[in-house]
Amino acid sequence: MDVKVIVVTGGANGLGLAMAETFLAEGNNVAILDVDIGPTSIEHQRYIDFGSLLITKCDVTNAQDVKTAIAAVIDKWDKIDILINNAAQASFKLFEYKTLEEMQREFDINYFGYLRMIKEVLPHMHRNNAGTIYNVSSLVGLVGFVKLSGYTSTKGAIESLTKTLALELKDSNVNIGIIHPPLMKTESAIPLGIPHEIMEDPDEIGKSIVLKILYRRFKSVVTSNLTTGIFTKLSYKYPRMIGNLLDRLTNSVQQTGGD
């Protein structure tokens, strides 16, 4: 397999880090873009270069940051084969108590952050006449979830954006699709109140998703395993039913005090 150049946003922790580590383990060159790239002693640095790994400080809400980060990747490897848009933020609060500024912040990261990255990367993919873009989505963007009105809205918007760009790019050699991870055991998921037993390990999920991206033909929707694939299909087809199911599960756990 040819060595690929992969850019992962929000790659300093969680699913993003797990994907970046697997891409590296499979012998590829990886650029991790994140607003927080390491401990205090290196926070003043913009780039940390480890040969096949470039860690780049980048705030996806800042167009100049995005431009500078992508320029650094091109300067080092002269191409970008795969872009994984993964950076995200979620504010866990009932809609009535959430400010417009909080929701705008979520959109600036989760939606416009993706747009800024795609705008900057796409010309390089067209120049090379090849490339793949994956936008990390979420099942809650399909079915809704209490106290996540901003986050779910951004993910719903990403679904529509990806479908539209797929139509616009269908005659090119650039593919664009969605990654649908399952609910995972991450710090950001703790406030959701989802039953712990139905949540999965982000390291295992990241590895599974990356191996599918690298070694299987392109798919417009990538999931980590059969169970998640079935659940995703059900969420697309029966969003209200799955949304109500998640809501009941969450309420049941909260009422019993379970984790």
Protein backbone atom coordinates (compact mmCIF):
# COMPACT_ATOMS: atom_id res chain seq x y z
CA MET A 1 0.00 0.00 0.00
CA ASP A 2 1.27 3.49 -0.85
CA VAL A 3 2.09 5.70 2.11
CA LYS A 4 -0.81 8.09 2.67
CA VAL A 5 -0.80 11.58 4.12
CA ILE A 6 -3.68 11.95 6.56
CA VAL A 7 -4.94 15.03 8.40
CA VAL A 8 -6.98 14.47 11.56
CA THR A 9 -8.63 17.43 13.31
CA GLY A 10 -9.32 17.14 17.01
CA GLY A 11 -6.63 14.48 16.99
CA ALA A 12 -5.09 15.09 20.41
CA ASN A 13 -7.47 12.85 22.35
CA GLY A 14 -10.42 10.46 22.17
CA LEU A 15 -11.49 9.04 18.83
CA GLY A 16 -9.26 11.44 16.87
CA LEU A 17 -6.13 10.29 18.69
CA ALA A 18 -7.10 6.62 18.31
CA MET A 19 -7.52 7.08 14.55
CA ALA A 20 -4.27 9.02 14.23
CA GLU A 21 -2.34 6.34 16.13
CA THR A 22 -3.75 3.58 13.91
CA PHE A 23 -2.97 5.46 10.70
CA LEU A 24 0.61 5.82 11.98
CA ALA A 25 0.85 2.17 13.02
CA GLU A 26 -0.14 1.20 9.47
CA GLY A 27 2.86 3.09 8.10
CA ASN A 28 1.33 6.38 7.02
CA ASN A 29 2.22 10.04 7.53
CA VAL A 30 -0.19 11.80 9.88
CA ALA A 31 -0.84 15.42 10.79
CA ILE A 32 -2.75 15.94 14.03
CA LEU A 33 -4.48 19.32 14.17
CA ASP A 34 -5.79 20.42 17.54
CA VAL A 35 -6.25 23.60 19.53
CA ASP A 36 -4.34 21.96 22.41
CA ILE A 37 -1.24 20.12 21.18
CA GLY A 38 0.48 19.19 24.39
CA PRO A 39 1.71 20.04 27.88
CA THR A 40 2.40 23.57 29.08
CA SER A 41 6.10 23.32 28.20
CA ILE A 42 5.35 23.16 24.49
CA GLU A 43 2.17 25.22 24.24
CA HIS A 44 4.12 28.12 22.71
CA GLN A 45 5.13 25.92 19.77
CA ARG A 46 2.97 25.69 16.67
CA TYR A 47 4.52 22.54 15.17
CA ILE A 48 5.98 19.42 16.72
CA ASP A 49 7.66 17.29 14.04
CA PHE A 50 8.32 13.60 14.66
CA GLY A 51 9.06 12.58 11.06
CA SER A 52 5.96 10.64 10.08
CA LEU A 53 3.90 12.60 12.62
CA LEU A 54 3.29 16.34 12.52
CA ILE A 55 1.37 17.79 15.46
CA THR A 56 0.03 21.21 14.58
CA LYS A 57 -1.66 23.76 16.80
CA CYS A 58 -4.83 24.76 15.00
CA ASP A 59 -8.09 26.36 16.04
CA VAL A 60 -10.60 25.33 13.36
CA THR A 61 -12.66 28.44 14.09
CA ASN A 62 -9.76 30.57 12.86
CA ALA A 63 -9.39 30.68 9.07
CA GLN A 64 -5.75 31.77 9.25
CA ASP A 65 -4.92 28.93 11.66
CA VAL A 66 -6.44 26.45 9.22
CA LYS A 67 -4.58 27.96 6.27
CA THR A 68 -1.26 27.93 8.15
CA ALA A 69 -1.72 24.35 9.38
CA ILE A 70 -2.56 22.95 5.95
CA ALA A 71 0.35 24.89 4.41
CA ALA A 72 2.65 23.17 6.93
CA VAL A 73 1.34 19.74 5.89
CA ILE A 74 1.80 20.50 2.19
CA ASP A 75 5.26 21.92 2.82
CA LYS A 76 6.27 18.68 4.58
CA TRP A 77 4.63 16.04 2.37
CA ASP A 78 3.39 17.91 -0.74
CA LYS A 79 -0.06 16.29 -0.66
CA ILE A 80 -3.04 15.32 1.46
CA ASP A 81 -4.70 11.99 0.70
CA ILE A 82 -7.25 11.80 3.50
CA LEU A 83 -8.90 14.46 5.65
CA ILE A 84 -10.73 13.37 8.80
CA ASN A 85 -12.90 16.20 10.15
CA ASN A 86 -13.29 15.19 13.77
CA ALA A 87 -12.95 18.31 15.96
CA ALA A 88 -16.15 18.98 17.90
CA GLN A 89 -17.68 20.62 20.93
CA ALA A 90 -20.94 19.92 22.75
CA SER A 91 -22.71 22.12 25.29
CA PHE A 92 -24.94 19.95 27.50
CA LYS A 93 -27.88 22.16 28.49
CA LEU A 94 -31.62 22.41 27.85
CA PHE A 95 -32.40 24.60 24.84
CA GLU A 96 -34.32 27.14 26.94
CA TYR A 97 -31.24 27.75 29.09
CA LYS A 98 -28.67 27.71 26.29
CA THR A 99 -27.54 31.04 24.86
CA LEU A 100 -27.34 31.76 21.16
CA GLU A 101 -23.64 32.43 21.67
CA GLU A 102 -23.15 28.89 22.99
CA MET A 103 -24.92 27.41 19.98
CA GLN A 104 -23.00 29.66 17.60
CA ARG A 105 -19.77 28.40 19.16
CA GLU A 106 -20.83 24.80 18.54
CA PHE A 107 -21.60 25.61 14.90
CA ASP A 108 -18.33 27.48 14.49
CA ILE A 109 -16.37 24.38 15.53
CA ASN A 110 -18.56 21.46 14.45
CA TYR A 111 -19.85 22.83 11.15
CA PHE A 112 -17.88 25.85 9.95
CA GLY A 113 -14.68 24.25 11.24
CA TYR A 114 -15.34 21.39 8.81
CA LEU A 115 -16.08 23.87 6.03
CA ARG A 116 -12.84 25.75 6.61
CA MET A 117 -10.83 22.53 6.46
CA ILE A 118 -12.56 21.27 3.32
CA LYS A 119 -12.15 24.64 1.58
CA GLU A 120 -8.42 24.60 2.33
CA VAL A 121 -7.75 20.92 1.53
CA LEU A 122 -9.94 20.41 -1.54
CA PRO A 123 -7.75 22.39 -4.01
CA HIS A 124 -4.76 20.18 -3.11
CA MET A 125 -6.82 17.04 -3.68
CA HIS A 126 -7.98 18.36 -7.05
CA ARG A 127 -4.37 19.16 -7.93
CA ASN A 128 -3.41 15.53 -7.21
CA ASN A 129 -6.62 14.27 -8.87
CA ALA A 130 -7.30 12.11 -5.81
CA GLY A 131 -8.42 12.37 -2.22
CA THR A 132 -10.88 11.29 0.44
CA ILE A 133 -12.70 13.41 3.00
CA TYR A 134 -14.54 11.93 5.95
CA ASN A 135 -16.73 14.00 8.24
CA VAL A 136 -17.32 12.51 11.67
CA SER A 137 -21.03 12.63 12.41
CA SER A 138 -23.15 11.25 15.25
CA LEU A 139 -26.30 9.22 15.59
CA VAL A 140 -27.76 11.94 17.79
CA GLY A 141 -27.60 14.21 14.75
CA LEU A 142 -30.06 11.83 13.10
CA VAL A 143 -32.39 11.12 16.01
CA GLY A 144 -32.02 14.05 18.42
CA PHE A 145 -31.00 14.03 22.07
CA VAL A 146 -32.19 15.99 25.11
CA LYS A 147 -29.89 18.87 26.15
CA LEU A 148 -27.84 18.64 22.95
CA SER A 149 -29.83 20.94 20.65
CA GLY A 150 -26.72 22.72 19.36
CA TYR A 151 -24.56 19.64 18.86
CA THR A 152 -27.32 17.59 17.24
CA SER A 153 -28.11 20.48 14.88
CA THR A 154 -24.48 20.73 13.77
CA LYS A 155 -24.31 17.02 13.05
CA GLY A 156 -27.57 17.13 11.11
CA ALA A 157 -26.09 19.96 9.06
CA ILE A 158 -22.93 17.92 8.43
CA GLU A 159 -25.07 15.06 7.11
CA SER A 160 -26.70 17.36 4.55
CA LEU A 161 -23.44 19.08 3.65
CA THR A 162 -21.72 15.76 2.98
CA LYS A 163 -24.53 14.51 0.76
CA THR A 164 -24.49 17.75 -1.23
CA LEU A 165 -20.71 17.76 -1.69
CA ALA A 166 -20.85 14.11 -2.75
CA LEU A 167 -23.15 15.14 -5.59
CA GLU A 168 -20.94 18.08 -6.54
CA LEU A 169 -17.77 15.95 -6.50
CA LYS A 170 -19.18 12.84 -8.15
CA ASP A 171 -17.37 13.49 -11.44
CA SER A 172 -14.02 14.08 -9.72
CA ASN A 173 -11.60 11.67 -8.06
CA VAL A 174 -12.34 13.12 -4.64
CA ASN A 175 -14.66 11.10 -2.40
CA ILE A 176 -16.50 12.47 0.61
CA GLY A 177 -18.35 10.45 3.22
CA ILE A 178 -19.52 10.17 6.82
CA ILE A 179 -18.02 8.34 9.78
CA HIS A 180 -20.62 7.15 12.28
CA PRO A 181 -18.93 6.00 15.50
CA PRO A 182 -21.02 4.38 18.23
CA LEU A 183 -21.53 5.93 21.65
CA MET A 184 -18.13 5.78 23.31
CA LYS A 185 -16.70 5.88 26.82
CA THR A 186 -15.21 9.35 26.65
CA GLU A 187 -15.19 12.26 29.11
CA SER A 188 -17.42 14.30 26.82
CA ALA A 189 -20.05 11.53 26.82
CA ILE A 190 -20.36 11.29 30.61
CA PRO A 191 -23.06 14.02 30.90
CA LEU A 192 -25.29 12.19 28.43
CA GLY A 193 -26.33 9.60 31.00
CA ILE A 194 -26.21 6.79 28.43
CA PRO A 195 -25.96 3.30 30.01
CA HIS A 196 -22.26 2.48 30.39
CA GLU A 197 -22.73 -1.05 29.12
CA ILE A 198 -23.84 0.08 25.65
CA MET A 199 -20.88 2.44 25.18
CA GLU A 200 -17.67 1.32 23.49
CA ASP A 201 -13.92 1.85 23.81
CA PRO A 202 -12.74 4.76 21.57
CA ASP A 203 -9.36 3.08 20.99
CA GLU A 204 -10.99 -0.04 19.53
CA ILE A 205 -13.47 2.02 17.54
CA GLY A 206 -10.75 4.24 16.07
CA LYS A 207 -8.69 1.23 15.02
CA SER A 208 -11.65 -0.50 13.37
CA ILE A 209 -12.71 2.61 11.44
CA VAL A 210 -9.20 3.32 10.16
CA LEU A 211 -8.63 -0.23 8.93
CA LYS A 212 -11.88 -0.02 6.96
CA ILE A 213 -10.87 3.32 5.44
CA LEU A 214 -7.42 2.04 4.44
CA TYR A 215 -8.16 -1.47 3.24
CA ARG A 216 -11.72 -1.51 1.92
CA ARG A 217 -13.30 0.29 -0.99
CA PHE A 218 -14.72 3.72 -0.31
CA LYS A 219 -18.09 3.79 1.41
CA SER A 220 -20.26 6.85 1.86
CA VAL A 221 -20.97 5.82 5.47
CA VAL A 222 -18.33 4.09 7.60
CA THR A 223 -19.18 2.39 10.89
CA SER A 224 -16.93 0.45 13.24
CA ASN A 225 -18.76 -2.87 13.41
CA LEU A 226 -21.92 -4.74 12.41
CA THR A 227 -23.91 -3.67 15.46
CA THR A 228 -23.17 0.01 14.90
CA GLY A 229 -23.89 -0.40 11.20
CA ILE A 230 -27.34 -1.84 11.90
CA PHE A 231 -28.09 0.81 14.52
CA THR A 232 -27.01 3.54 12.09
CA LYS A 233 -29.29 2.20 9.34
CA LEU A 234 -32.18 2.08 11.79
CA SER A 235 -31.44 5.65 12.86
CA TYR A 236 -31.56 6.86 9.25
CA LYS A 237 -34.79 4.98 8.59
CA TYR A 238 -36.59 5.38 11.93
CA PRO A 239 -35.09 8.48 13.62
CA ARG A 240 -38.05 9.17 15.91
CA MET A 241 -38.19 5.58 17.16
CA ILE A 242 -34.45 5.40 17.90
CA GLY A 243 -34.51 8.86 19.48
CA ASN A 244 -37.29 7.82 21.84
CA LEU A 245 -35.43 4.59 22.66
CA LEU A 246 -32.26 6.46 23.64
CA ASP A 247 -34.31 8.90 25.67
CA ARG A 248 -36.02 6.08 27.60
CA LEU A 249 -32.70 4.34 28.26
CA THR A 250 -31.17 7.56 29.50
CA ASN A 251 -34.10 8.39 31.75
CA SER A 252 -34.07 4.87 33.18
CA VAL A 253 -30.39 5.09 34.11
CA GLN A 254 -30.77 8.57 35.63
CA GLN A 255 -33.78 7.51 37.71
CA THR A 256 -32.01 4.40 39.08
CA GLY A 257 -28.72 6.26 39.63
CA GLY A 258 -26.82 3.81 37.41
CA ASP A 259 -23.74 4.66 35.34
